[in-house]
Amino acid sequence: MNKYFGTDGIRGEANSFPVTAEVAMKVGMAAGISFRRGNHRHRVVIGKDTRLSGYMLENALVAGFTAAGMDVLLLGPVPTPAVAMLTKSMRCDIGVMISASHNAYFDNGIKLFGPDGFKLSDDFESRIEALLDKDLSMHLANSDGLGRATRVEGVVDRYVEFAKRTLPPGMSLDGIRIVVDCANGAAYKAAPAALWELGAEVITIGIEPNGFNINSGCGSTDTDKLCHKVHETRADIGIALDGDADRVLLVDEKARTIDGDQIMAVISEYWKDIARLKGGGVVATIMSNLGLERFLKDKGLDLVRTKVGDRYVVEYMRKHGFNFGGEQSGHMVMSDFTTTGDGLIAALQVLSVVRGGEKPVSEVCRKFEPVPQLLKNVRFDNGNPLEDGQVVEAIEDGRSMLGDSGRLVIRPSGTEPLIRVMAEGDDEKLVHEVVDGIVDTLKKVAA
């Protein structure tokens, strides 16, 4: 178990361990030392979302990286995929995104990208982690080798152009009315600009960040406002991004939310039809609905499942030659374009399908009937409730009850002190019975 790094970098409550200025400075030092590759001037790009604590962490990281002799390019508030793209595009040795993604403002985190734009592997994060509690003073730059920090202008424009080029040449969104919810987060400038420049009529919500309102009653974690706005304005589609814009959910013209599984079905079928899809299928996680698996099978495609986390989806894609994968929560990774999840580009791929046909979004994005699925979270304070004998027995009973007609997934969250209990199957009543039984047992043990 790592002391600092979790399933998606370092994450936690801002100004509490491990998300402190002290740790951030040490991360800058350790990462800067780890990524020295010869005698050239080493460079790092640092982006962030709109949380108040981003200022603290940004300055601490700058101190660490410059102390290690790295020049720092500060991007300001930009989407996570923009940081990944610019790390490679600007020939940097490392990229950093300061964000806690879909979490509330009081959390924050540090995500690291290698020079190829991909998130660091577990092994490389462990190497950095091993340095964090050591005295690094002997490895830092001397006084005339310190790095410089510079703010980079025009970053949003570069990302907007990059996103627009992922559409087929000459395609316009003219005549499509879009409501986009930027979650008061990192894409509050980029997403509306890209959609408007492509010709759409754009209505915006969640574009007034104040340091505290990121993901608050908006974005991909809460689509109620977006659904209401789509209905109110009679829009063709709603796009809900999260705080760092690496995931997306959609809303159809009937004001119904479309999850990541349906989005994966749309894009995979589209890419198969235009001979773009590689690997013979899609890489998703253990949380994706059984209905998606059955849909893909009917199309002659495989659904490969990984652990939860877009980094594990990407690792499998790279190792086995897939170019599309994602998560039910809305991460969509399209390696022809990006090295990490990109909510805006995923939305543009769906809009390509909408533009290319005469069907409304409600038909385009309803590719399969989801199998009844229920997910509940149980918070715990100490220890690991999953090791308790009563819990083990309850889980075994649940698997036995579902048999071959469903799936049961029990896992601890990688970012919060939660146990996630998910079951799915053709018998909805049985699914609820199984989940409720396990949750009740967990609550008794965790109390």
Protein backbone atom coordinates (compact mmCIF):
# COMPACT_ATOMS: atom_id res chain seq x y z
CA MET A 1 0.00 0.00 0.00
CA ASN A 2 1.50 3.31 -1.06
CA LYS A 3 1.77 6.14 1.47
CA TYR A 4 1.27 8.93 -1.08
CA PHE A 5 0.04 7.64 -4.46
CA GLY A 6 -3.40 6.11 -5.00
CA THR A 7 -5.18 4.88 -8.12
CA ASP A 8 -4.97 8.30 -9.80
CA GLY A 9 -1.89 10.07 -8.50
CA ILE A 10 -1.91 11.75 -5.10
CA ARG A 11 -5.32 12.83 -3.87
CA GLY A 12 -7.02 13.89 -0.66
CA GLU A 13 -8.29 16.85 1.32
CA ALA A 14 -6.34 19.99 0.48
CA ASN A 15 -3.88 21.17 3.13
CA SER A 16 -4.06 17.81 4.90
CA PHE A 17 -1.60 14.98 4.35
CA PRO A 18 -0.72 14.02 1.67
CA VAL A 19 -2.12 17.03 -0.24
CA THR A 20 0.06 19.65 1.44
CA ALA A 21 2.45 22.29 0.17
CA GLU A 22 5.32 20.37 1.76
CA VAL A 23 4.49 17.13 -0.03
CA ALA A 24 3.90 18.97 -3.33
CA MET A 25 7.34 20.57 -3.09
CA LYS A 26 8.92 17.18 -2.41
CA VAL A 27 7.01 15.66 -5.35
CA GLY A 28 8.48 18.37 -7.56
CA MET A 29 11.97 17.64 -6.28
CA ALA A 30 11.61 13.84 -6.52
CA ALA A 31 9.98 13.88 -9.96
CA GLY A 32 12.47 16.43 -11.23
CA ILE A 33 15.37 14.27 -10.09
CA SER A 34 13.77 11.09 -11.49
CA PHE A 35 13.25 12.57 -14.97
CA ARG A 36 16.74 13.86 -15.61
CA ARG A 37 17.71 12.47 -19.01
CA GLY A 38 21.01 13.96 -20.11
CA ASN A 39 22.44 17.47 -20.02
CA HIS A 40 19.68 19.43 -21.81
CA ARG A 41 17.53 21.98 -20.01
CA HIS A 42 14.75 19.89 -18.54
CA ARG A 43 11.18 21.18 -18.73
CA VAL A 44 7.89 20.47 -16.97
CA VAL A 45 4.39 21.74 -17.75
CA ILE A 46 1.98 22.31 -14.89
CA GLY A 47 -1.76 22.72 -15.38
CA LYS A 48 -4.56 22.91 -12.84
CA ASP A 49 -8.30 23.07 -12.48
CA THR A 50 -10.16 25.86 -10.67
CA ARG A 51 -9.91 24.85 -7.00
CA LEU A 52 -8.74 27.45 -4.50
CA SER A 53 -6.00 25.10 -3.28
CA GLY A 54 -4.52 24.98 -6.79
CA TYR A 55 -2.59 28.18 -6.07
CA MET A 56 -0.89 26.62 -3.04
CA LEU A 57 0.02 23.39 -4.78
CA GLU A 58 1.13 25.09 -7.99
CA ASN A 59 3.61 27.32 -6.19
CA ALA A 60 4.92 24.44 -4.07
CA LEU A 61 5.47 22.28 -7.16
CA VAL A 62 7.27 25.17 -8.87
CA ALA A 63 9.60 25.44 -5.88
CA GLY A 64 10.36 21.72 -6.01
CA PHE A 65 10.92 21.47 -9.75
CA THR A 66 13.07 24.59 -9.99
CA ALA A 67 15.12 23.37 -7.03
CA ALA A 68 15.73 20.18 -9.01
CA GLY A 69 16.94 22.30 -11.95
CA MET A 70 13.85 22.03 -14.12
CA ASP A 71 12.32 24.91 -16.06
CA VAL A 72 8.59 25.17 -15.37
CA LEU A 73 5.92 26.15 -17.92
CA LEU A 74 2.72 27.19 -16.14
CA LEU A 75 -0.46 26.58 -18.14
CA GLY A 76 -3.07 27.85 -15.67
CA PRO A 77 -6.59 26.30 -15.66
CA VAL A 78 -6.75 23.78 -18.52
CA PRO A 79 -8.28 20.30 -18.97
CA THR A 80 -6.23 17.27 -17.96
CA PRO A 81 -6.04 16.04 -21.59
CA ALA A 82 -4.56 19.41 -22.57
CA VAL A 83 -1.74 18.89 -20.09
CA ALA A 84 -1.11 15.40 -21.47
CA MET A 85 -1.12 16.70 -25.04
CA LEU A 86 1.13 19.68 -24.31
CA THR A 87 3.63 17.59 -22.35
CA LYS A 88 4.41 15.73 -25.55
CA SER A 89 3.80 18.62 -27.97
CA MET A 90 6.15 20.98 -26.11
CA ARG A 91 8.82 18.28 -25.70
CA CYS A 92 8.68 18.40 -21.94
CA ASP A 93 10.21 15.76 -19.70
CA ILE A 94 7.20 15.58 -17.42
CA GLY A 95 3.67 16.96 -17.10
CA VAL A 96 1.67 17.71 -13.97
CA MET A 97 -2.06 18.24 -13.51
CA ILE A 98 -3.27 19.65 -10.20
CA SER A 99 -6.80 18.32 -9.81
CA ALA A 100 -9.07 16.01 -7.87
CA SER A 101 -11.13 15.41 -10.99
CA HIS A 102 -14.81 14.97 -10.07
CA ASN A 103 -14.35 15.49 -6.30
CA ALA A 104 -15.57 18.55 -4.38
CA TYR A 105 -13.47 21.71 -4.05
CA PHE A 106 -12.00 20.79 -0.67
CA ASP A 107 -10.09 17.89 -2.24
CA ASN A 108 -7.19 18.21 -4.62
CA GLY A 109 -4.53 16.04 -6.17
CA ILE A 110 -1.42 15.73 -8.30
CA LYS A 111 -1.35 13.66 -11.50
CA LEU A 112 1.94 13.04 -13.30
CA PHE A 113 2.52 12.41 -17.01
CA GLY A 114 5.65 11.12 -18.71
CA PRO A 115 7.26 12.72 -21.78
CA ASP A 116 5.02 10.58 -24.03
CA GLY A 117 1.91 12.18 -22.51
CA PHE A 118 0.77 9.01 -20.72
CA LYS A 119 0.13 8.82 -16.99
CA LEU A 120 3.03 7.33 -15.09
CA SER A 121 2.96 3.60 -14.42
CA ASP A 122 2.59 2.21 -10.89
CA ASP A 123 6.28 1.27 -10.97
CA PHE A 124 7.42 4.79 -11.81
CA GLU A 125 5.12 6.32 -9.19
CA SER A 126 6.61 3.90 -6.66
CA ARG A 127 10.11 5.08 -7.61
CA ILE A 128 9.08 8.68 -6.97
CA GLU A 129 7.32 7.69 -3.75
CA ALA A 130 10.49 6.02 -2.48
CA LEU A 131 12.28 9.39 -2.71
CA LEU A 132 9.66 11.46 -0.90
CA ASP A 133 10.80 10.60 2.63
CA LYS A 134 14.51 10.82 1.84
CA ASP A 135 16.92 13.74 2.11
CA LEU A 136 17.21 14.95 -1.49
CA SER A 137 19.50 17.90 -0.83
CA MET A 138 22.54 16.19 -2.37
CA HIS A 139 20.63 15.65 -5.65
CA LEU A 140 19.30 19.18 -6.15
CA ALA A 141 20.66 21.74 -8.58
CA ASN A 142 23.45 24.08 -7.55
CA SER A 143 22.71 27.79 -7.30
CA ASP A 144 23.47 28.55 -10.94
CA GLY A 145 21.56 25.52 -12.21
CA LEU A 146 18.16 26.37 -10.76
CA GLY A 147 15.15 26.29 -13.04
CA ARG A 148 13.00 29.21 -14.22
CA ALA A 149 9.21 29.46 -14.18
CA THR A 150 7.24 31.01 -17.05
CA ARG A 151 3.52 31.41 -17.70
CA VAL A 152 2.52 30.15 -21.15
CA GLU A 153 -0.02 32.17 -23.14
CA GLY A 154 -2.48 30.80 -25.69
CA VAL A 155 -2.75 27.35 -24.12
CA VAL A 156 -6.55 27.20 -24.36
CA ASP A 157 -6.41 28.15 -28.04
CA ARG A 158 -3.92 25.36 -28.75
CA TYR A 159 -6.16 22.80 -27.09
CA VAL A 160 -9.29 24.09 -28.85
CA GLU A 161 -7.60 23.70 -32.26
CA PHE A 162 -6.39 20.24 -31.29
CA ALA A 163 -9.90 19.18 -30.29
CA LYS A 164 -11.51 20.60 -33.43
CA ARG A 165 -9.13 18.63 -35.67
CA THR A 166 -10.47 15.34 -34.30
CA LEU A 167 -13.68 15.83 -36.30
CA PRO A 168 -13.77 14.68 -39.95
CA PRO A 169 -12.46 17.39 -42.30
CA GLY A 170 -15.11 19.92 -43.24
CA MET A 171 -17.65 18.75 -40.68
CA SER A 172 -19.66 21.52 -39.05
CA LEU A 173 -21.99 21.56 -36.06
CA ASP A 174 -24.09 24.26 -37.66
CA GLY A 175 -27.75 23.97 -36.66
CA ILE A 176 -27.10 21.89 -33.53
CA ARG A 177 -28.13 23.50 -30.25
CA ILE A 178 -25.86 22.34 -27.44
CA VAL A 179 -25.96 22.98 -23.71
CA VAL A 180 -22.51 22.42 -22.21
CA ASP A 181 -21.93 22.14 -18.45
CA CYS A 182 -18.27 22.74 -17.61
CA ALA A 183 -18.68 21.96 -13.89
CA ASN A 184 -17.11 25.33 -13.02
CA GLY A 185 -13.91 23.52 -13.80
CA ALA A 186 -10.89 23.39 -16.06
CA ALA A 187 -12.75 23.45 -19.41
CA TYR A 188 -14.86 26.51 -18.66
CA LYS A 189 -13.18 28.42 -21.50
CA ALA A 190 -12.08 25.66 -23.88
CA ALA A 191 -15.25 23.58 -24.30
CA PRO A 192 -17.68 26.42 -25.17
CA ALA A 193 -15.09 27.98 -27.51
CA ALA A 194 -14.49 24.73 -29.42
CA LEU A 195 -18.20 24.00 -29.86
CA TRP A 196 -18.99 27.56 -30.95
CA GLU A 197 -16.09 27.70 -33.43
CA LEU A 198 -17.39 24.45 -34.97
CA GLY A 199 -20.68 26.21 -35.72
CA ALA A 200 -22.96 25.06 -32.91
CA GLU A 201 -25.40 27.22 -31.02
CA VAL A 202 -23.91 27.00 -27.54
CA ILE A 203 -25.68 27.51 -24.21
CA THR A 204 -23.40 27.36 -21.17
CA ILE A 205 -23.70 26.51 -17.50
CA GLY A 206 -20.95 25.89 -14.96
CA ILE A 207 -18.56 28.47 -16.44
CA GLU A 208 -18.19 30.78 -13.43
CA PRO A 209 -15.55 29.18 -11.20
CA ASN A 210 -14.86 30.86 -7.87
CA GLY A 211 -12.51 28.34 -6.27
CA PHE A 212 -15.29 26.64 -4.33
CA ASN A 213 -18.04 25.69 -6.80
CA ILE A 214 -16.22 23.11 -8.94
CA ASN A 215 -18.42 20.00 -9.37
CA SER A 216 -20.98 21.54 -6.98
CA GLY A 217 -24.46 20.61 -8.19
CA CYS A 218 -23.20 20.54 -11.76
CA GLY A 219 -21.04 18.64 -14.21
CA SER A 220 -20.91 14.91 -14.82
CA THR A 221 -21.50 14.08 -11.15
CA ASP A 222 -24.86 15.91 -11.07
CA THR A 223 -26.69 16.32 -14.37
CA ASP A 224 -29.97 17.70 -12.96
CA LYS A 225 -29.24 21.31 -13.96
CA LEU A 226 -28.13 20.22 -17.40
CA CYS A 227 -31.24 18.10 -17.93
CA HIS A 228 -33.42 21.04 -16.91
CA LYS A 229 -31.54 23.42 -19.22
CA VAL A 230 -31.76 21.05 -22.18
CA HIS A 231 -35.52 20.77 -21.66
CA GLU A 232 -35.93 24.51 -21.10
CA THR A 233 -34.00 25.53 -24.22
CA ARG A 234 -35.17 22.63 -26.39
CA ALA A 235 -31.56 21.76 -27.08
CA ASP A 236 -30.48 18.83 -29.24
CA ILE A 237 -27.91 17.58 -26.74
CA GLY A 238 -26.33 18.36 -23.38
CA ILE A 239 -22.66 17.78 -22.58
CA ALA A 240 -21.60 17.35 -18.94
CA LEU A 241 -17.88 17.50 -18.19
CA ASP A 242 -16.26 16.98 -14.80
CA GLY A 243 -13.87 19.29 -12.98
CA ASP A 244 -10.80 18.48 -15.07
CA ALA A 245 -12.75 17.55 -18.24
CA ASP A 246 -11.30 14.07 -18.62
CA ARG A 247 -14.77 12.51 -18.44
CA VAL A 248 -18.15 13.24 -19.98
CA LEU A 249 -21.79 12.26 -19.73
CA LEU A 250 -24.44 13.35 -22.22
CA VAL A 251 -28.10 14.36 -22.04
CA ASP A 252 -30.45 13.69 -24.95
CA GLU A 253 -33.15 16.02 -26.30
CA LYS A 254 -35.66 14.34 -23.96
CA ALA A 255 -33.52 15.45 -20.97
CA ARG A 256 -32.35 11.93 -20.14
CA THR A 257 -28.79 11.25 -19.01
CA ILE A 258 -26.58 9.02 -21.17
CA ASP A 259 -23.79 7.23 -19.31
CA GLY A 260 -20.32 6.18 -20.43
CA ASP A 261 -21.39 2.67 -21.44
CA GLN A 262 -23.84 4.01 -24.02
CA ILE A 263 -21.20 6.48 -25.25
CA MET A 264 -18.75 3.61 -25.69
CA ALA A 265 -21.37 1.69 -27.67
CA VAL A 266 -21.95 4.67 -30.00
CA ILE A 267 -18.28 5.38 -30.66
CA SER A 268 -17.21 1.74 -31.03
CA GLU A 269 -19.95 1.02 -33.59
CA TYR A 270 -19.11 4.23 -35.47
CA TRP A 271 -15.39 3.45 -35.48
CA LYS A 272 -16.03 -0.10 -36.64
CA ASP A 273 -18.17 1.17 -39.52
CA ILE A 274 -15.45 3.59 -40.69
CA ALA A 275 -12.72 0.92 -40.19
CA ARG A 276 -11.02 2.90 -37.42
CA LEU A 277 -11.48 0.53 -34.49
CA LYS A 278 -8.40 -1.51 -33.60
CA GLY A 279 -7.93 -4.53 -31.37
CA GLY A 280 -11.25 -6.16 -32.22
CA GLY A 281 -13.21 -4.48 -29.47
CA VAL A 282 -13.29 -2.09 -26.52
CA VAL A 283 -11.41 -1.97 -23.22
CA ALA A 284 -13.62 -1.09 -20.25
CA THR A 285 -13.64 -1.85 -16.52
CA ILE A 286 -15.36 -4.30 -14.23
CA MET A 287 -18.06 -1.66 -13.64
CA SER A 288 -19.39 -1.54 -17.22
CA ASN A 289 -22.88 -2.90 -17.75
CA LEU A 290 -23.47 -6.43 -18.98
CA GLY A 291 -25.75 -4.88 -21.62
CA LEU A 292 -22.72 -3.22 -23.25
CA GLU A 293 -20.91 -6.54 -23.36
CA ARG A 294 -23.87 -8.20 -25.06
CA PHE A 295 -24.24 -5.32 -27.55
CA LEU A 296 -20.59 -5.53 -28.56
CA LYS A 297 -20.78 -9.31 -28.88
CA ASP A 298 -23.70 -8.94 -31.31
CA LYS A 299 -21.45 -6.61 -33.37
CA GLY A 300 -18.65 -9.18 -33.40
CA LEU A 301 -16.60 -7.14 -30.92
CA ASP A 302 -15.02 -8.05 -27.60
CA LEU A 303 -15.36 -6.22 -24.29
CA VAL A 304 -12.20 -6.57 -22.24
CA ARG A 305 -12.49 -5.61 -18.57
CA THR A 306 -9.78 -4.13 -16.34
CA LYS A 307 -9.58 -2.81 -12.79
CA VAL A 308 -11.40 0.48 -12.18
CA GLY A 309 -9.36 3.49 -13.27
CA ASP A 310 -8.70 4.93 -16.70
CA ARG A 311 -4.96 4.35 -16.25
CA TYR A 312 -5.56 0.58 -16.23
CA VAL A 313 -7.75 0.87 -19.31
CA VAL A 314 -4.95 2.77 -21.08
CA GLU A 315 -2.27 0.30 -19.98
CA TYR A 316 -4.25 -2.61 -21.44
CA MET A 317 -4.97 -0.69 -24.65
CA ARG A 318 -1.28 0.06 -25.18
CA LYS A 319 -0.16 -3.47 -24.41
CA HIS A 320 -2.72 -5.24 -26.61
CA GLY A 321 -3.24 -2.89 -29.56
CA PHE A 322 -6.66 -1.39 -28.78
CA ASN A 323 -7.36 2.23 -29.68
CA PHE A 324 -10.61 2.79 -27.77
CA GLY A 325 -11.59 2.24 -24.18
CA GLY A 326 -13.43 3.89 -21.35
CA GLU A 327 -15.42 3.76 -18.17
CA GLN A 328 -19.10 3.86 -17.33
CA SER A 329 -18.36 7.02 -15.32
CA GLY A 330 -17.47 8.85 -18.54
CA HIS A 331 -13.74 8.50 -19.11
CA MET A 332 -13.25 7.93 -22.85
CA VAL A 333 -9.76 7.18 -24.12
CA MET A 334 -9.24 7.42 -27.89
CA SER A 335 -5.56 6.76 -28.47
CA ASP A 336 -5.72 7.91 -32.11
CA PHE A 337 -6.12 11.38 -30.60
CA THR A 338 -5.23 11.38 -26.91
CA THR A 339 -3.18 9.62 -24.24
CA THR A 340 -5.75 9.99 -21.47
CA GLY A 341 -9.49 10.49 -21.03
CA ASP A 342 -10.91 13.47 -22.92
CA GLY A 343 -14.53 14.46 -22.34
CA LEU A 344 -14.73 17.11 -25.05
CA ILE A 345 -13.25 14.94 -27.81
CA ALA A 346 -15.53 12.04 -26.83
CA ALA A 347 -18.53 14.37 -27.12
CA LEU A 348 -17.31 15.49 -30.55
CA GLN A 349 -17.13 11.86 -31.71
CA VAL A 350 -20.77 11.35 -30.71
CA LEU A 351 -21.69 14.60 -32.45
CA SER A 352 -20.03 13.21 -35.60
CA VAL A 353 -22.54 10.35 -35.52
CA VAL A 354 -25.44 12.72 -34.86
CA ARG A 355 -24.35 15.01 -37.69
CA GLY A 356 -23.91 12.10 -40.08
CA GLY A 357 -27.44 10.78 -39.66
CA GLU A 358 -30.98 12.02 -39.39
CA LYS A 359 -31.76 10.54 -35.96
CA PRO A 360 -32.10 12.49 -32.70
CA VAL A 361 -29.62 11.96 -29.89
CA SER A 362 -32.14 9.84 -27.95
CA GLU A 363 -32.01 7.24 -30.73
CA VAL A 364 -28.33 7.57 -31.58
CA CYS A 365 -27.27 7.07 -27.96
CA ARG A 366 -29.62 4.26 -26.95
CA LYS A 367 -27.71 1.31 -28.36
CA PHE A 368 -28.71 -1.30 -25.80
CA GLU A 369 -31.06 -1.85 -22.89
CA PRO A 370 -28.95 -1.82 -19.72
CA VAL A 371 -29.13 -4.82 -17.46
CA PRO A 372 -30.49 -3.77 -14.04
CA GLN A 373 -27.48 -2.57 -12.07
CA LEU A 374 -27.22 -1.17 -8.55
CA LEU A 375 -24.22 0.50 -6.92
CA LYS A 376 -24.07 1.52 -3.25
CA ASN A 377 -21.21 2.95 -1.21
CA VAL A 378 -20.42 2.25 2.44
CA ARG A 379 -18.09 4.63 4.29
CA PHE A 380 -15.65 3.23 6.84
CA ASP A 381 -13.18 4.79 9.25
CA ASN A 382 -10.65 2.14 10.20
CA GLY A 383 -9.24 -1.15 8.96
CA ASN A 384 -10.55 -3.13 6.00
CA PRO A 385 -14.16 -4.31 6.43
CA LEU A 386 -13.73 -6.69 3.48
CA GLU A 387 -11.52 -8.91 5.66
CA ASP A 388 -14.26 -9.47 8.23
CA GLY A 389 -15.69 -12.98 8.28
CA GLN A 390 -19.32 -11.82 8.25
CA VAL A 391 -18.67 -9.66 5.18
CA VAL A 392 -16.84 -12.46 3.38
CA GLU A 393 -19.79 -14.79 4.03
CA ALA A 394 -22.32 -12.17 2.84
CA ILE A 395 -20.37 -11.67 -0.40
CA GLU A 396 -20.18 -15.42 -1.04
CA ASP A 397 -23.94 -15.71 -0.46
CA GLY A 398 -24.54 -12.85 -2.92
CA ARG A 399 -22.45 -14.46 -5.66
CA SER A 400 -24.29 -17.74 -5.13
CA MET A 401 -27.69 -16.02 -5.39
CA LEU A 402 -26.78 -14.29 -8.68
CA GLY A 403 -25.25 -17.40 -10.20
CA ASP A 404 -24.55 -17.17 -13.93
CA SER A 405 -27.28 -14.58 -14.56
CA GLY A 406 -25.39 -11.61 -13.13
CA ARG A 407 -22.21 -10.11 -11.76
CA LEU A 408 -21.11 -8.90 -8.33
CA VAL A 409 -18.24 -6.43 -7.87
CA ILE A 410 -17.00 -5.40 -4.43
CA ARG A 411 -14.07 -3.03 -4.24
CA PRO A 412 -12.58 -0.31 -2.06
CA SER A 413 -12.45 3.15 -3.62
CA GLY A 414 -8.96 4.25 -4.61
CA THR A 415 -9.64 7.89 -3.70
CA GLU A 416 -12.05 7.85 -0.72
CA PRO A 417 -12.64 5.67 2.42
CA LEU A 418 -15.51 3.83 0.74
CA ILE A 419 -16.40 0.26 -0.12
CA ARG A 420 -18.29 0.12 -3.41
CA VAL A 421 -20.86 -2.67 -3.80
CA MET A 422 -22.19 -3.24 -7.32
CA ALA A 423 -24.39 -6.02 -8.64
CA GLU A 424 -26.18 -6.50 -11.92
CA GLY A 425 -28.38 -9.14 -13.44
CA ASP A 426 -31.55 -9.78 -15.40
CA ASP A 427 -33.62 -10.05 -12.18
CA GLU A 428 -33.78 -6.50 -10.76
CA LYS A 429 -35.41 -7.58 -7.50
CA LEU A 430 -32.63 -10.10 -6.89
CA VAL A 431 -29.95 -7.49 -7.66
CA HIS A 432 -31.39 -5.16 -4.99
CA GLU A 433 -31.65 -8.01 -2.51
CA VAL A 434 -28.00 -8.99 -3.01
CA VAL A 435 -26.62 -5.45 -2.75
CA ASP A 436 -28.75 -4.50 0.26
CA GLY A 437 -27.70 -7.66 2.09
CA ILE A 438 -24.00 -6.97 1.63
CA VAL A 439 -24.36 -3.25 2.42
CA ASP A 440 -26.25 -3.99 5.66
CA THR A 441 -23.48 -6.36 6.75
CA LEU A 442 -20.77 -3.85 5.87
CA LYS A 443 -22.52 -1.11 7.86
CA LYS A 444 -22.73 -3.33 10.93
CA VAL A 445 -19.02 -4.17 10.72
CA ALA A 446 -17.94 -0.61 9.91
CA ALA A 447 -20.04 0.96 12.69
